[in-house]
Amino acid sequence: MGTGISGLLRRRAGLLGARLRGRRTQRRVFQAGTVLCSLALAPSAWVWFSAGDRVGTVESAPPAPVAVVFGAGLDQGRPSPYLEHRLVAALDLYREGKVQAILVTGDNGRAAYSEPDAMYTYLTRHGVPEDRVVRDYAGFDTWDSCTRARRIFGVDHAVLVSQDFHVRRALALCEAAGIRSYAVGVPELHDATWLYGGLREVAGAGKAAANAWLRPDPVFLGPEEDGIPKALAEAARK
């Protein structure tokens, strides 16, 4: 009888030990998952909080010499709906006298695809003088656009224009590049495109944090250009 009771107790003790080990494993997995999630979201938190109160609308934007408009794709050679909305905001900034020149920056990685040219054409057809719109053909991503705006075009103070889900990252990166910035977040319907763009920002924030820390050269640096100084000088003469 003793042997039977002893065996039963040992089996129960073994089961209890197995349950405790399983709970410890679950706890460790949960803790590891929590740490990984925190690390993954830390860059997004940095992007969000670093922007502070410097994100608003065309109406709330303070005056600045230059508006920087980031590319957002083309549709049969014309600005995509998202890009057109950014350009409309830039037009409003110019028409209200809040900026004197507009730097359009985007992808021209192949001859048949030029975001800057499409943006230039749109703005000039809607009344912005040709000499006030300057094109950056090597804005292959947000960091390249920001660092080239500072290093190639001499922009040190600007209003940035992009969709609301992207513009905080643009603001953080342009500040890291040495541009004192305010950001106009263009609102959009919260549809599938907006949701996809927002989800991309989680990964984009990680890349942004690395760029802000390491400050790499853009894909293409090239010589300094005088388009923005000339545009501002022309504006000063008017």
Foldseek 3Di string as FASTA:
>chain_A
DVVVVVVVVVVVVVVVVVVVVVVVVVVVVVVVVVVVVCVLCVLVVCLVPVLPPQEAALVPHAADAEEEEEADDDDVQAHDPQSVLLLVRVLSNVVVPRYQAYEYEYEPPDPVDFRQVNSLVVNVVVPDDSLRYHYHHQCHDLLQSLLLCCQAANAAEYEYTGAQLCFSLSCLNNVLSRHHYGYYHRYDPCDPVVVVSNVVVSVVSVVSVVCSVVVDHGPDRDHHDHSSVVSSVVSVVD
